[in-house]
Amino acid sequence: MSVTTDRSGGGVAIDVAGLTKTYRGSRGAPAVRALDGLDLRVGAGTVLGLLGPNGAGKSTTVRVLATLTRPDSGTAVVAGHDVSREPAAVRRAIGYVAQRPVTDPMGTGRENLVLAARLQGLGARAAAARADELLERFGVADAAHRLVRTWSGGMARKLDVAMGLVHRPQVLFLDEPTTGLDPDSRAALWAEIARLASVERMTVLLTTHYLDEADRLADRVVIVDRGRSVVTGTPDELKDALHGDGLTVEVADEAALARAVEAARRVPGVVEVRPDGRVLRARAASGAGTLPALLAALDAAAVEVRTAGLSRPSLDDVYLRHTGRSLDAAESDAARAAGVAA
């Protein structure tokens, strides 16, 4: 499957075909297939969202594209340069904001930015001017001369992004950029990411497991599951493909879910019935008209209902349709797997 996004008509910024990557297990643990034939094509000047749970292969994809790890097979071209054959050229063309902080906590915000700019080849005067420009743009100029260890989490994350921008890259990789941020800090960072694409025409590849983030920022979304892209499109395209309304019913205990599923499948108009923990998920052409009939059928089957809801299609519904599980359930599976591995 390929992803074609070209809002600006500026050509292809990222072209990936058949990427695979397997990590050997430690201490006798089985090998982990992080990428399993991933394909992507991203047009210049757009925001592409890689959406999926932890462990889906999102961060590994970014690490390959940023030349931080080599794929086992497949090809990847970023800003016209092959990541395996021309890694130095790729690094000059990209900015990379990892999940973990990259700043020196014992340096000031301005010192961190000036150092990053000098490492990218800017002269002393240009580096200082660029640092001041970015501190002002991200709204942290007042803290420029304070040690980063004294900054709030939201301020420090803005500084991470600013450091990825000091050399005005063609392509920016943002790996889970808003994890752990408060709502105000997330909104501020969202606004800056949108500005980068719309004003500076920068290509942004954003990995996230936040549905609202992908919906808000991405021109197109690729849902990644178990190292493969399973579906792609604009957020609206993907949601509109799910006709009708979503129905969710939480039952009192998981043991009753099998009876609930059986009863729901007999209700006229109810389709795509799926169990998900203690939640029954389904779709109906007219949710408002169908939900009362569904609840009556569950009552007749002696299924105790705790909550029931009706919603328009969401990206979580899209994920459920194409992977057979909700994103929350996939996150839980990944957490359990990580606990077993540990």
C-alpha atoms as a PDB file:
ATOM      1  CA  MET A   1       0.000   0.000   0.000  1.00  0.00           C
ATOM      2  CA  SER A   2       1.331   3.469  -0.793  1.00  0.00           C
ATOM      3  CA  VAL A   3       0.546   6.881   0.553  1.00  0.00           C
ATOM      4  CA  THR A   4       0.400   9.790  -1.883  1.00  0.00           C
ATOM      5  CA  THR A   5       0.111  13.226  -0.369  1.00  0.00           C
ATOM      6  CA  ASP A   6       0.998  16.284  -2.417  1.00  0.00           C
ATOM      7  CA  ARG A   7      -0.979  19.313  -1.301  1.00  0.00           C
ATOM      8  CA  SER A   8       1.582  21.771  -2.623  1.00  0.00           C
ATOM      9  CA  GLY A   9       2.427  20.156  -5.944  1.00  0.00           C
ATOM     10  CA  GLY A  10       6.039  20.057  -4.790  1.00  0.00           C
ATOM     11  CA  GLY A  11       6.779  16.413  -5.521  1.00  0.00           C
ATOM     12  CA  VAL A  12       7.495  13.493  -3.230  1.00  0.00           C
ATOM     13  CA  ALA A  13       9.445  14.173  -0.040  1.00  0.00           C
ATOM     14  CA  ILE A  14       9.467  10.632   1.383  1.00  0.00           C
ATOM     15  CA  ASP A  15       9.294   7.460  -0.699  1.00  0.00           C
ATOM     16  CA  VAL A  16       9.391   4.115   1.106  1.00  0.00           C
ATOM     17  CA  ALA A  17       8.920   0.634  -0.322  1.00  0.00           C
ATOM     18  CA  GLY A  18       8.875  -2.706   1.471  1.00  0.00           C
ATOM     19  CA  LEU A  19      10.729  -1.733   4.647  1.00  0.00           C
ATOM     20  CA  THR A  20      11.408  -4.588   7.054  1.00  0.00           C
ATOM     21  CA  LYS A  21      13.188  -4.534  10.370  1.00  0.00           C
ATOM     22  CA  THR A  22      13.544  -7.281  12.963  1.00  0.00           C
ATOM     23  CA  TYR A  23      15.078  -6.827  16.397  1.00  0.00           C
ATOM     24  CA  ARG A  24      16.673  -9.821  18.058  1.00  0.00           C
ATOM     25  CA  GLY A  25      15.198 -10.705  21.421  1.00  0.00           C
ATOM     26  CA  SER A  26      17.333 -10.437  24.522  1.00  0.00           C
ATOM     27  CA  ARG A  27      17.780 -13.115  27.182  1.00  0.00           C
ATOM     28  CA  GLY A  28      16.060 -15.763  25.120  1.00  0.00           C
ATOM     29  CA  ALA A  29      13.053 -13.604  24.186  1.00  0.00           C
ATOM     30  CA  PRO A  30      11.700 -14.092  20.653  1.00  0.00           C
ATOM     31  CA  ALA A  31      12.702 -11.703  17.868  1.00  0.00           C
ATOM     32  CA  VAL A  32      10.414  -8.719  17.254  1.00  0.00           C
ATOM     33  CA  ARG A  33       9.311  -7.930  13.704  1.00  0.00           C
ATOM     34  CA  ALA A  34       9.004  -4.140  13.999  1.00  0.00           C
ATOM     35  CA  LEU A  35       8.449  -3.447  10.290  1.00  0.00           C
ATOM     36  CA  ASP A  36       6.895  -5.978   7.959  1.00  0.00           C
ATOM     37  CA  GLY A  37       6.925  -4.565   4.438  1.00  0.00           C
ATOM     38  CA  LEU A  38       5.937  -0.948   5.128  1.00  0.00           C
ATOM     39  CA  ASP A  39       5.251   1.357   2.152  1.00  0.00           C
ATOM     40  CA  LEU A  40       4.831   5.147   2.288  1.00  0.00           C
ATOM     41  CA  ARG A  41       4.875   8.016  -0.156  1.00  0.00           C
ATOM     42  CA  VAL A  42       4.591  11.524   1.251  1.00  0.00           C
ATOM     43  CA  GLY A  43       4.219  14.650  -0.846  1.00  0.00           C
ATOM     44  CA  ALA A  44       6.199  17.798  -0.112  1.00  0.00           C
ATOM     45  CA  GLY A  45       4.565  20.393   2.100  1.00  0.00           C
ATOM     46  CA  THR A  46       2.103  18.080   3.822  1.00  0.00           C
ATOM     47  CA  VAL A  47       1.548  16.538   7.230  1.00  0.00           C
ATOM     48  CA  LEU A  48       1.325  12.762   7.268  1.00  0.00           C
ATOM     49  CA  GLY A  49       0.145  11.125  10.479  1.00  0.00           C
ATOM     50  CA  LEU A  50       1.334   7.616  11.344  1.00  0.00           C
ATOM     51  CA  LEU A  51      -1.364   6.422  13.717  1.00  0.00           C
ATOM     52  CA  GLY A  52      -1.129   3.276  15.784  1.00  0.00           C
ATOM     53  CA  PRO A  53      -0.495   1.889  19.272  1.00  0.00           C
ATOM     54  CA  ASN A  54       2.879   1.625  20.933  1.00  0.00           C
ATOM     55  CA  GLY A  55       4.765  -1.210  19.279  1.00  0.00           C
ATOM     56  CA  ALA A  56       3.055  -0.815  15.894  1.00  0.00           C
ATOM     57  CA  GLY A  57       6.302   0.206  14.179  1.00  0.00           C
ATOM     58  CA  LYS A  58       5.902   3.989  14.099  1.00  0.00           C
ATOM     59  CA  SER A  59       9.094   4.916  15.931  1.00  0.00           C
ATOM     60  CA  THR A  60      11.118   2.313  14.054  1.00  0.00           C
ATOM     61  CA  THR A  61       9.901   3.837  10.791  1.00  0.00           C
ATOM     62  CA  VAL A  62      11.091   7.269  11.869  1.00  0.00           C
ATOM     63  CA  ARG A  63      14.439   5.919  13.068  1.00  0.00           C
ATOM     64  CA  VAL A  64      15.018   4.280   9.680  1.00  0.00           C
ATOM     65  CA  LEU A  65      14.062   7.436   7.795  1.00  0.00           C
ATOM     66  CA  ALA A  66      16.285   9.546  10.062  1.00  0.00           C
ATOM     67  CA  THR A  67      19.239   7.168   9.387  1.00  0.00           C
ATOM     68  CA  LEU A  68      19.432   6.118  13.044  1.00  0.00           C
ATOM     69  CA  THR A  69      18.916   2.444  12.221  1.00  0.00           C
ATOM     70  CA  ARG A  70      19.270   0.435   9.034  1.00  0.00           C
ATOM     71  CA  PRO A  71      16.409  -1.597   7.610  1.00  0.00           C
ATOM     72  CA  ASP A  72      16.843  -5.296   6.940  1.00  0.00           C
ATOM     73  CA  SER A  73      15.353  -4.844   3.480  1.00  0.00           C
ATOM     74  CA  GLY A  74      13.389  -2.366   1.403  1.00  0.00           C
ATOM     75  CA  THR A  75      14.210   1.137   0.213  1.00  0.00           C
ATOM     76  CA  ALA A  76      13.654   4.596   1.651  1.00  0.00           C
ATOM     77  CA  VAL A  77      14.322   7.931  -0.028  1.00  0.00           C
ATOM     78  CA  VAL A  78      14.021  11.180   1.950  1.00  0.00           C
ATOM     79  CA  ALA A  79      14.324  14.599   0.267  1.00  0.00           C
ATOM     80  CA  GLY A  80      15.723  12.846  -2.799  1.00  0.00           C
ATOM     81  CA  HIS A  81      18.422  10.910  -0.925  1.00  0.00           C
ATOM     82  CA  ASP A  82      18.593   7.186  -0.192  1.00  0.00           C
ATOM     83  CA  VAL A  83      18.818   6.675   3.572  1.00  0.00           C
ATOM     84  CA  SER A  84      21.217   3.739   3.250  1.00  0.00           C
ATOM     85  CA  ARG A  85      23.531   5.107   0.558  1.00  0.00           C
ATOM     86  CA  GLU A  86      23.431   8.839   1.378  1.00  0.00           C
ATOM     87  CA  PRO A  87      22.870   9.133   5.140  1.00  0.00           C
ATOM     88  CA  ALA A  88      24.847  12.369   5.514  1.00  0.00           C
ATOM     89  CA  ALA A  89      22.750  14.109   2.858  1.00  0.00           C
ATOM     90  CA  VAL A  90      19.558  12.883   4.511  1.00  0.00           C
ATOM     91  CA  ARG A  91      20.657  14.241   7.898  1.00  0.00           C
ATOM     92  CA  ARG A  92      21.334  17.671   6.390  1.00  0.00           C
ATOM     93  CA  ALA A  93      17.824  17.738   4.912  1.00  0.00           C
ATOM     94  CA  ILE A  94      15.827  16.643   7.961  1.00  0.00           C
ATOM     95  CA  GLY A  95      14.918  17.677  11.463  1.00  0.00           C
ATOM     96  CA  TYR A  96      14.250  14.951  14.008  1.00  0.00           C
ATOM     97  CA  VAL A  97      12.393  15.360  17.292  1.00  0.00           C
ATOM     98  CA  ALA A  98      12.567  12.115  19.255  1.00  0.00           C
ATOM     99  CA  GLN A  99      10.257  11.010  22.042  1.00  0.00           C
ATOM    100  CA  ARG A 100      12.929  11.623  24.663  1.00  0.00           C
ATOM    101  CA  PRO A 101      14.391  15.074  25.376  1.00  0.00           C
ATOM    102  CA  VAL A 102      17.621  15.919  23.576  1.00  0.00           C
ATOM    103  CA  THR A 103      18.420  19.185  25.344  1.00  0.00           C
ATOM    104  CA  ASP A 104      21.138  19.710  27.930  1.00  0.00           C
ATOM    105  CA  PRO A 105      19.276  20.424  31.190  1.00  0.00           C
ATOM    106  CA  MET A 106      22.310  22.244  32.589  1.00  0.00           C
ATOM    107  CA  GLY A 107      22.415  24.670  29.674  1.00  0.00           C
ATOM    108  CA  THR A 108      20.093  27.589  29.058  1.00  0.00           C
ATOM    109  CA  GLY A 109      17.454  27.450  26.366  1.00  0.00           C
ATOM    110  CA  ARG A 110      19.405  29.870  24.218  1.00  0.00           C
ATOM    111  CA  GLU A 111      22.672  27.964  24.699  1.00  0.00           C
ATOM    112  CA  ASN A 112      20.999  24.747  23.582  1.00  0.00           C
ATOM    113  CA  LEU A 113      19.641  26.340  20.427  1.00  0.00           C
ATOM    114  CA  VAL A 114      22.881  28.109  19.531  1.00  0.00           C
ATOM    115  CA  LEU A 115      24.832  24.865  19.956  1.00  0.00           C
ATOM    116  CA  ALA A 116      22.353  22.951  17.791  1.00  0.00           C
ATOM    117  CA  ALA A 117      22.596  25.613  15.099  1.00  0.00           C
ATOM    118  CA  ARG A 118      26.416  25.588  15.145  1.00  0.00           C
ATOM    119  CA  LEU A 119      26.421  21.799  14.854  1.00  0.00           C
ATOM    120  CA  GLN A 120      24.230  22.193  11.770  1.00  0.00           C
ATOM    121  CA  GLY A 121      26.848  24.453  10.184  1.00  0.00           C
ATOM    122  CA  LEU A 122      25.531  27.944  10.950  1.00  0.00           C
ATOM    123  CA  GLY A 123      28.047  30.666  11.778  1.00  0.00           C
ATOM    124  CA  ALA A 124      28.113  32.254  15.226  1.00  0.00           C
ATOM    125  CA  ARG A 125      26.071  35.313  14.278  1.00  0.00           C
ATOM    126  CA  ALA A 126      23.526  33.340  12.226  1.00  0.00           C
ATOM    127  CA  ALA A 127      23.184  30.744  15.001  1.00  0.00           C
ATOM    128  CA  ALA A 128      22.494  33.415  17.609  1.00  0.00           C
ATOM    129  CA  ALA A 129      19.921  35.126  15.387  1.00  0.00           C
ATOM    130  CA  ARG A 130      18.177  31.845  14.617  1.00  0.00           C
ATOM    131  CA  ALA A 131      18.073  30.904  18.304  1.00  0.00           C
ATOM    132  CA  ASP A 132      16.472  34.240  19.207  1.00  0.00           C
ATOM    133  CA  GLU A 133      13.962  33.883  16.371  1.00  0.00           C
ATOM    134  CA  LEU A 134      12.865  30.428  17.511  1.00  0.00           C
ATOM    135  CA  LEU A 135      12.691  31.347  21.192  1.00  0.00           C
ATOM    136  CA  GLU A 136      10.349  34.175  20.286  1.00  0.00           C
ATOM    137  CA  ARG A 137       8.248  32.080  17.921  1.00  0.00           C
ATOM    138  CA  PHE A 138       7.691  29.343  20.494  1.00  0.00           C
ATOM    139  CA  GLY A 139       6.829  31.831  23.215  1.00  0.00           C
ATOM    140  CA  VAL A 140       9.730  30.960  25.528  1.00  0.00           C
ATOM    141  CA  ALA A 141      11.960  34.003  25.002  1.00  0.00           C
ATOM    142  CA  ASP A 142      11.398  35.118  28.599  1.00  0.00           C
ATOM    143  CA  ALA A 143      13.061  31.890  29.789  1.00  0.00           C
ATOM    144  CA  ALA A 144      15.905  31.975  27.255  1.00  0.00           C
ATOM    145  CA  HIS A 145      18.620  32.496  29.902  1.00  0.00           C
ATOM    146  CA  ARG A 146      17.275  30.042  32.449  1.00  0.00           C
ATOM    147  CA  LEU A 147      18.653  26.513  32.759  1.00  0.00           C
ATOM    148  CA  VAL A 148      16.441  24.048  30.882  1.00  0.00           C
ATOM    149  CA  ARG A 149      16.117  21.913  34.013  1.00  0.00           C
ATOM    150  CA  THR A 150      14.001  24.714  35.488  1.00  0.00           C
ATOM    151  CA  TRP A 151      11.600  24.800  32.511  1.00  0.00           C
ATOM    152  CA  SER A 152       8.156  23.187  32.583  1.00  0.00           C
ATOM    153  CA  GLY A 153       7.535  20.041  30.553  1.00  0.00           C
ATOM    154  CA  GLY A 154       5.591  21.959  27.921  1.00  0.00           C
ATOM    155  CA  MET A 155       8.324  24.579  27.542  1.00  0.00           C
ATOM    156  CA  ALA A 156      11.030  21.928  27.289  1.00  0.00           C
ATOM    157  CA  ARG A 157       9.093  20.081  24.602  1.00  0.00           C
ATOM    158  CA  LYS A 158       8.772  23.282  22.577  1.00  0.00           C
ATOM    159  CA  LEU A 159      12.543  23.646  22.848  1.00  0.00           C
ATOM    160  CA  ASP A 160      13.004  20.086  21.526  1.00  0.00           C
ATOM    161  CA  VAL A 161      10.948  20.994  18.454  1.00  0.00           C
ATOM    162  CA  ALA A 162      12.782  24.287  18.003  1.00  0.00           C
ATOM    163  CA  MET A 163      16.119  22.427  18.010  1.00  0.00           C
ATOM    164  CA  GLY A 164      14.855  20.264  15.177  1.00  0.00           C
ATOM    165  CA  LEU A 165      14.124  23.409  13.175  1.00  0.00           C
ATOM    166  CA  VAL A 166      17.326  25.438  13.626  1.00  0.00           C
ATOM    167  CA  HIS A 167      18.633  24.624  10.137  1.00  0.00           C
ATOM    168  CA  ARG A 168      15.265  25.004   8.350  1.00  0.00           C
ATOM    169  CA  PRO A 169      14.956  21.348   7.279  1.00  0.00           C
ATOM    170  CA  GLN A 170      12.966  20.212   4.277  1.00  0.00           C
ATOM    171  CA  VAL A 171      11.425  17.331   6.222  1.00  0.00           C
ATOM    172  CA  LEU A 172      10.603  17.252   9.933  1.00  0.00           C
ATOM    173  CA  PHE A 173      10.075  14.017  11.870  1.00  0.00           C
ATOM    174  CA  LEU A 174       8.032  14.366  15.052  1.00  0.00           C
ATOM    175  CA  ASP A 175       7.903  11.174  17.104  1.00  0.00           C
ATOM    176  CA  GLU A 176       5.008  11.373  19.599  1.00  0.00           C
ATOM    177  CA  PRO A 177       5.645  15.104  20.109  1.00  0.00           C
ATOM    178  CA  THR A 178       2.861  15.833  22.620  1.00  0.00           C
ATOM    179  CA  THR A 179       3.014  12.794  24.893  1.00  0.00           C
ATOM    180  CA  GLY A 180       2.673  13.923  28.504  1.00  0.00           C
ATOM    181  CA  LEU A 181       1.843  17.551  27.717  1.00  0.00           C
ATOM    182  CA  ASP A 182      -1.020  19.437  29.325  1.00  0.00           C
ATOM    183  CA  PRO A 183      -3.905  20.556  27.059  1.00  0.00           C
ATOM    184  CA  ASP A 184      -2.647  24.143  26.679  1.00  0.00           C
ATOM    185  CA  SER A 185       0.864  23.016  25.721  1.00  0.00           C
ATOM    186  CA  ARG A 186      -0.557  20.478  23.269  1.00  0.00           C
ATOM    187  CA  ALA A 187      -2.720  23.139  21.615  1.00  0.00           C
ATOM    188  CA  ALA A 188       0.250  25.509  21.283  1.00  0.00           C
ATOM    189  CA  LEU A 189       2.391  22.807  19.709  1.00  0.00           C
ATOM    190  CA  TRP A 190      -0.434  21.815  17.370  1.00  0.00           C
ATOM    191  CA  ALA A 191      -0.664  25.406  16.157  1.00  0.00           C
ATOM    192  CA  GLU A 192       3.074  25.492  15.425  1.00  0.00           C
ATOM    193  CA  ILE A 193       3.001  22.183  13.534  1.00  0.00           C
ATOM    194  CA  ALA A 194       0.102  23.429  11.409  1.00  0.00           C
ATOM    195  CA  ARG A 195       1.991  26.650  10.698  1.00  0.00           C
ATOM    196  CA  LEU A 196       5.109  24.775   9.578  1.00  0.00           C
ATOM    197  CA  ALA A 197       3.172  22.967   6.881  1.00  0.00           C
ATOM    198  CA  SER A 198       0.837  25.764   5.784  1.00  0.00           C
ATOM    199  CA  VAL A 199       3.252  28.727   5.924  1.00  0.00           C
ATOM    200  CA  GLU A 200       6.736  27.261   5.542  1.00  0.00           C
ATOM    201  CA  ARG A 201       5.576  24.397   3.285  1.00  0.00           C
ATOM    202  CA  MET A 202       7.598  21.964   5.356  1.00  0.00           C
ATOM    203  CA  THR A 203       6.898  18.245   5.083  1.00  0.00           C
ATOM    204  CA  VAL A 204       6.023  16.809   8.488  1.00  0.00           C
ATOM    205  CA  LEU A 205       5.831  13.134   9.383  1.00  0.00           C
ATOM    206  CA  LEU A 206       4.050  12.859  12.710  1.00  0.00           C
ATOM    207  CA  THR A 207       3.780   9.656  14.703  1.00  0.00           C
ATOM    208  CA  THR A 208       1.059   9.563  17.300  1.00  0.00           C
ATOM    209  CA  HIS A 209      -1.360   7.336  19.157  1.00  0.00           C
ATOM    210  CA  TYR A 210      -3.676  10.248  19.891  1.00  0.00           C
ATOM    211  CA  LEU A 211      -6.706  10.061  17.611  1.00  0.00           C
ATOM    212  CA  ASP A 212      -7.601  13.731  18.031  1.00  0.00           C
ATOM    213  CA  GLU A 213      -4.053  14.762  17.150  1.00  0.00           C
ATOM    214  CA  ALA A 214      -4.071  12.846  13.872  1.00  0.00           C
ATOM    215  CA  ASP A 215      -7.569  14.117  13.063  1.00  0.00           C
ATOM    216  CA  ARG A 216      -6.606  17.717  13.736  1.00  0.00           C
ATOM    217  CA  LEU A 217      -3.158  17.945  12.128  1.00  0.00           C
ATOM    218  CA  ALA A 218      -2.753  15.370   9.395  1.00  0.00           C
ATOM    219  CA  ASP A 219      -3.579  15.967   5.739  1.00  0.00           C
ATOM    220  CA  ARG A 220      -3.530  12.218   5.402  1.00  0.00           C
ATOM    221  CA  VAL A 221      -3.329   9.372   7.880  1.00  0.00           C
ATOM    222  CA  VAL A 222      -1.705   5.967   7.651  1.00  0.00           C
ATOM    223  CA  ILE A 223      -2.908   3.482  10.225  1.00  0.00           C
ATOM    224  CA  VAL A 224      -0.033   1.184  11.146  1.00  0.00           C
ATOM    225  CA  ASP A 225      -0.526  -2.158  12.844  1.00  0.00           C
ATOM    226  CA  ARG A 226       2.094  -4.825  13.493  1.00  0.00           C
ATOM    227  CA  GLY A 227       4.620  -3.156  11.221  1.00  0.00           C
ATOM    228  CA  ARG A 228       2.364  -2.740   8.197  1.00  0.00           C
ATOM    229  CA  SER A 229       0.226   0.057   6.826  1.00  0.00           C
ATOM    230  CA  VAL A 230      -3.349  -1.221   6.824  1.00  0.00           C
ATOM    231  CA  VAL A 231      -5.274   1.763   5.442  1.00  0.00           C
ATOM    232  CA  THR A 232      -4.614   5.299   4.265  1.00  0.00           C
ATOM    233  CA  GLY A 233      -6.581   8.403   3.380  1.00  0.00           C
ATOM    234  CA  THR A 234      -7.574  11.792   4.692  1.00  0.00           C
ATOM    235  CA  PRO A 235      -9.211  11.649   8.122  1.00  0.00           C
ATOM    236  CA  ASP A 236     -12.549  12.619   6.585  1.00  0.00           C
ATOM    237  CA  GLU A 237     -12.251  10.022   3.814  1.00  0.00           C
ATOM    238  CA  LEU A 238     -11.529   7.263   6.280  1.00  0.00           C
ATOM    239  CA  LYS A 239     -14.414   8.226   8.571  1.00  0.00           C
ATOM    240  CA  ASP A 240     -16.880   8.791   5.733  1.00  0.00           C
ATOM    241  CA  ALA A 241     -16.169   5.283   4.440  1.00  0.00           C
ATOM    242  CA  LEU A 242     -17.843   3.992   7.606  1.00  0.00           C
ATOM    243  CA  HIS A 243     -21.472   4.638   6.767  1.00  0.00           C
ATOM    244  CA  GLY A 244     -23.932   5.154   9.587  1.00  0.00           C
ATOM    245  CA  ASP A 245     -23.433   5.593  13.322  1.00  0.00           C
ATOM    246  CA  GLY A 246     -21.321   3.843  15.911  1.00  0.00           C
ATOM    247  CA  LEU A 247     -23.031   2.039  18.799  1.00  0.00           C
ATOM    248  CA  THR A 248     -21.166   1.164  21.989  1.00  0.00           C
ATOM    249  CA  VAL A 249     -22.588  -0.758  24.924  1.00  0.00           C
ATOM    250  CA  GLU A 250     -20.609  -1.556  28.053  1.00  0.00           C
ATOM    251  CA  VAL A 251     -21.862  -4.668  29.809  1.00  0.00           C
ATOM    252  CA  ALA A 252     -21.522  -5.439  33.503  1.00  0.00           C
ATOM    253  CA  ASP A 253     -19.125  -8.346  33.101  1.00  0.00           C
ATOM    254  CA  GLU A 254     -17.061  -9.808  30.307  1.00  0.00           C
ATOM    255  CA  ALA A 255     -18.700 -13.204  30.668  1.00  0.00           C
ATOM    256  CA  ALA A 256     -21.975 -11.710  29.421  1.00  0.00           C
ATOM    257  CA  LEU A 257     -20.386 -10.274  26.297  1.00  0.00           C
ATOM    258  CA  ALA A 258     -20.852 -13.433  24.220  1.00  0.00           C
ATOM    259  CA  ARG A 259     -24.625 -13.337  24.897  1.00  0.00           C
ATOM    260  CA  ALA A 260     -24.636  -9.637  24.083  1.00  0.00           C
ATOM    261  CA  VAL A 261     -22.934 -10.183  20.736  1.00  0.00           C
ATOM    262  CA  GLU A 262     -25.326 -12.991  19.814  1.00  0.00           C
ATOM    263  CA  ALA A 263     -28.349 -10.875  20.747  1.00  0.00           C
ATOM    264  CA  ALA A 264     -27.048  -7.798  18.888  1.00  0.00           C
ATOM    265  CA  ARG A 265     -26.535  -9.714  15.666  1.00  0.00           C
ATOM    266  CA  ARG A 266     -30.247 -10.546  15.612  1.00  0.00           C
ATOM    267  CA  VAL A 267     -31.334  -6.896  15.807  1.00  0.00           C
ATOM    268  CA  PRO A 268     -32.432  -5.545  12.403  1.00  0.00           C
ATOM    269  CA  GLY A 269     -30.093  -2.854  11.122  1.00  0.00           C
ATOM    270  CA  VAL A 270     -27.174  -3.695  13.425  1.00  0.00           C
ATOM    271  CA  VAL A 271     -23.984  -4.603  11.554  1.00  0.00           C
ATOM    272  CA  GLU A 272     -20.279  -5.061  12.264  1.00  0.00           C
ATOM    273  CA  VAL A 273     -20.825  -6.356  15.784  1.00  0.00           C
ATOM    274  CA  ARG A 274     -17.506  -6.757  17.606  1.00  0.00           C
ATOM    275  CA  PRO A 275     -16.605  -7.521  21.236  1.00  0.00           C
ATOM    276  CA  ASP A 276     -13.913  -5.348  22.806  1.00  0.00           C
ATOM    277  CA  GLY A 277     -13.215  -6.184  26.455  1.00  0.00           C
ATOM    278  CA  ARG A 278     -16.519  -5.496  28.224  1.00  0.00           C
ATOM    279  CA  VAL A 279     -17.696  -3.271  25.363  1.00  0.00           C
ATOM    280  CA  LEU A 280     -19.875  -4.297  22.451  1.00  0.00           C
ATOM    281  CA  ARG A 281     -19.230  -2.187  19.361  1.00  0.00           C
ATOM    282  CA  ALA A 282     -21.498  -2.125  16.330  1.00  0.00           C
ATOM    283  CA  ARG A 283     -22.731   0.084  13.511  1.00  0.00           C
ATOM    284  CA  ALA A 284     -26.193   1.003  12.278  1.00  0.00           C
ATOM    285  CA  ALA A 285     -27.495   3.148   9.429  1.00  0.00           C
ATOM    286  CA  SER A 286     -29.715   5.022  11.887  1.00  0.00           C
ATOM    287  CA  GLY A 287     -28.200   4.804  15.330  1.00  0.00           C
ATOM    288  CA  ALA A 288     -30.898   6.817  17.083  1.00  0.00           C
ATOM    289  CA  GLY A 289     -33.601   4.492  15.814  1.00  0.00           C
ATOM    290  CA  THR A 290     -31.640   1.292  16.373  1.00  0.00           C
ATOM    291  CA  LEU A 291     -30.155   1.829  19.846  1.00  0.00           C
ATOM    292  CA  PRO A 292     -33.465   1.339  21.737  1.00  0.00           C
ATOM    293  CA  ALA A 293     -34.064  -1.953  19.892  1.00  0.00           C
ATOM    294  CA  LEU A 294     -30.527  -3.079  20.708  1.00  0.00           C
ATOM    295  CA  LEU A 295     -30.970  -2.293  24.406  1.00  0.00           C
ATOM    296  CA  ALA A 296     -34.292  -4.159  24.454  1.00  0.00           C
ATOM    297  CA  ALA A 297     -32.647  -7.204  22.875  1.00  0.00           C
ATOM    298  CA  LEU A 298     -29.866  -7.153  25.454  1.00  0.00           C
ATOM    299  CA  ASP A 299     -32.395  -6.888  28.277  1.00  0.00           C
ATOM    300  CA  ALA A 300     -34.263  -9.870  26.880  1.00  0.00           C
ATOM    301  CA  ALA A 301     -30.991 -11.813  26.824  1.00  0.00           C
ATOM    302  CA  ALA A 302     -30.420 -10.984  30.518  1.00  0.00           C
ATOM    303  CA  VAL A 303     -27.386  -8.831  29.750  1.00  0.00           C
ATOM    304  CA  GLU A 304     -26.854  -6.063  32.294  1.00  0.00           C
ATOM    305  CA  VAL A 305     -25.887  -2.818  30.556  1.00  0.00           C
ATOM    306  CA  ARG A 306     -23.793  -0.221  32.352  1.00  0.00           C
ATOM    307  CA  THR A 307     -23.502   2.444  29.654  1.00  0.00           C
ATOM    308  CA  ALA A 308     -24.629   2.899  26.072  1.00  0.00           C
ATOM    309  CA  GLY A 309     -23.568   5.463  23.514  1.00  0.00           C
ATOM    310  CA  LEU A 310     -24.105   6.682  19.996  1.00  0.00           C
ATOM    311  CA  SER A 311     -21.511   8.504  17.897  1.00  0.00           C
ATOM    312  CA  ARG A 312     -20.567   9.536  14.423  1.00  0.00           C
ATOM    313  CA  PRO A 313     -17.639   7.584  12.894  1.00  0.00           C
ATOM    314  CA  SER A 314     -14.235   8.313  14.440  1.00  0.00           C
ATOM    315  CA  LEU A 315     -10.676   7.304  13.620  1.00  0.00           C
ATOM    316  CA  ASP A 316     -10.961   4.717  16.383  1.00  0.00           C
ATOM    317  CA  ASP A 317     -13.864   3.193  14.454  1.00  0.00           C
ATOM    318  CA  VAL A 318     -11.644   3.191  11.364  1.00  0.00           C
ATOM    319  CA  TYR A 319      -8.898   1.442  13.312  1.00  0.00           C
ATOM    320  CA  LEU A 320     -11.394  -1.112  14.601  1.00  0.00           C
ATOM    321  CA  ARG A 321     -12.734  -1.783  11.110  1.00  0.00           C
ATOM    322  CA  HIS A 322      -9.334  -2.446   9.587  1.00  0.00           C
ATOM    323  CA  THR A 323      -7.507  -4.187  12.429  1.00  0.00           C
ATOM    324  CA  GLY A 324     -10.312  -5.923  14.307  1.00  0.00           C
ATOM    325  CA  ARG A 325      -9.588  -4.126  17.600  1.00  0.00           C
ATOM    326  CA  SER A 326      -9.872  -0.613  18.964  1.00  0.00           C
ATOM    327  CA  LEU A 327      -6.782   1.527  19.448  1.00  0.00           C
ATOM    328  CA  ASP A 328      -7.275   1.378  23.232  1.00  0.00           C
ATOM    329  CA  ALA A 329      -7.359  -2.413  23.091  1.00  0.00           C
ATOM    330  CA  ALA A 330      -4.237  -2.439  20.916  1.00  0.00           C
ATOM    331  CA  GLU A 331      -2.474  -0.199  23.441  1.00  0.00           C
ATOM    332  CA  SER A 332      -3.441  -2.586  26.233  1.00  0.00           C
ATOM    333  CA  ASP A 333      -2.153  -5.557  24.237  1.00  0.00           C
ATOM    334  CA  ALA A 334       1.148  -3.744  23.645  1.00  0.00           C
ATOM    335  CA  ALA A 335       1.486  -2.900  27.339  1.00  0.00           C
ATOM    336  CA  ARG A 336       0.866  -6.505  28.351  1.00  0.00           C
ATOM    337  CA  ALA A 337       3.368  -7.745  25.791  1.00  0.00           C
ATOM    338  CA  ALA A 338       5.988  -5.283  27.072  1.00  0.00           C
ATOM    339  CA  GLY A 339       5.361  -6.484  30.628  1.00  0.00           C
ATOM    340  CA  VAL A 340       5.844 -10.107  29.602  1.00  0.00           C
ATOM    341  CA  ALA A 341       9.039  -9.228  27.719  1.00  0.00           C
ATOM    342  CA  ALA A 342      10.391  -7.400  30.732  1.00  0.00           C
END
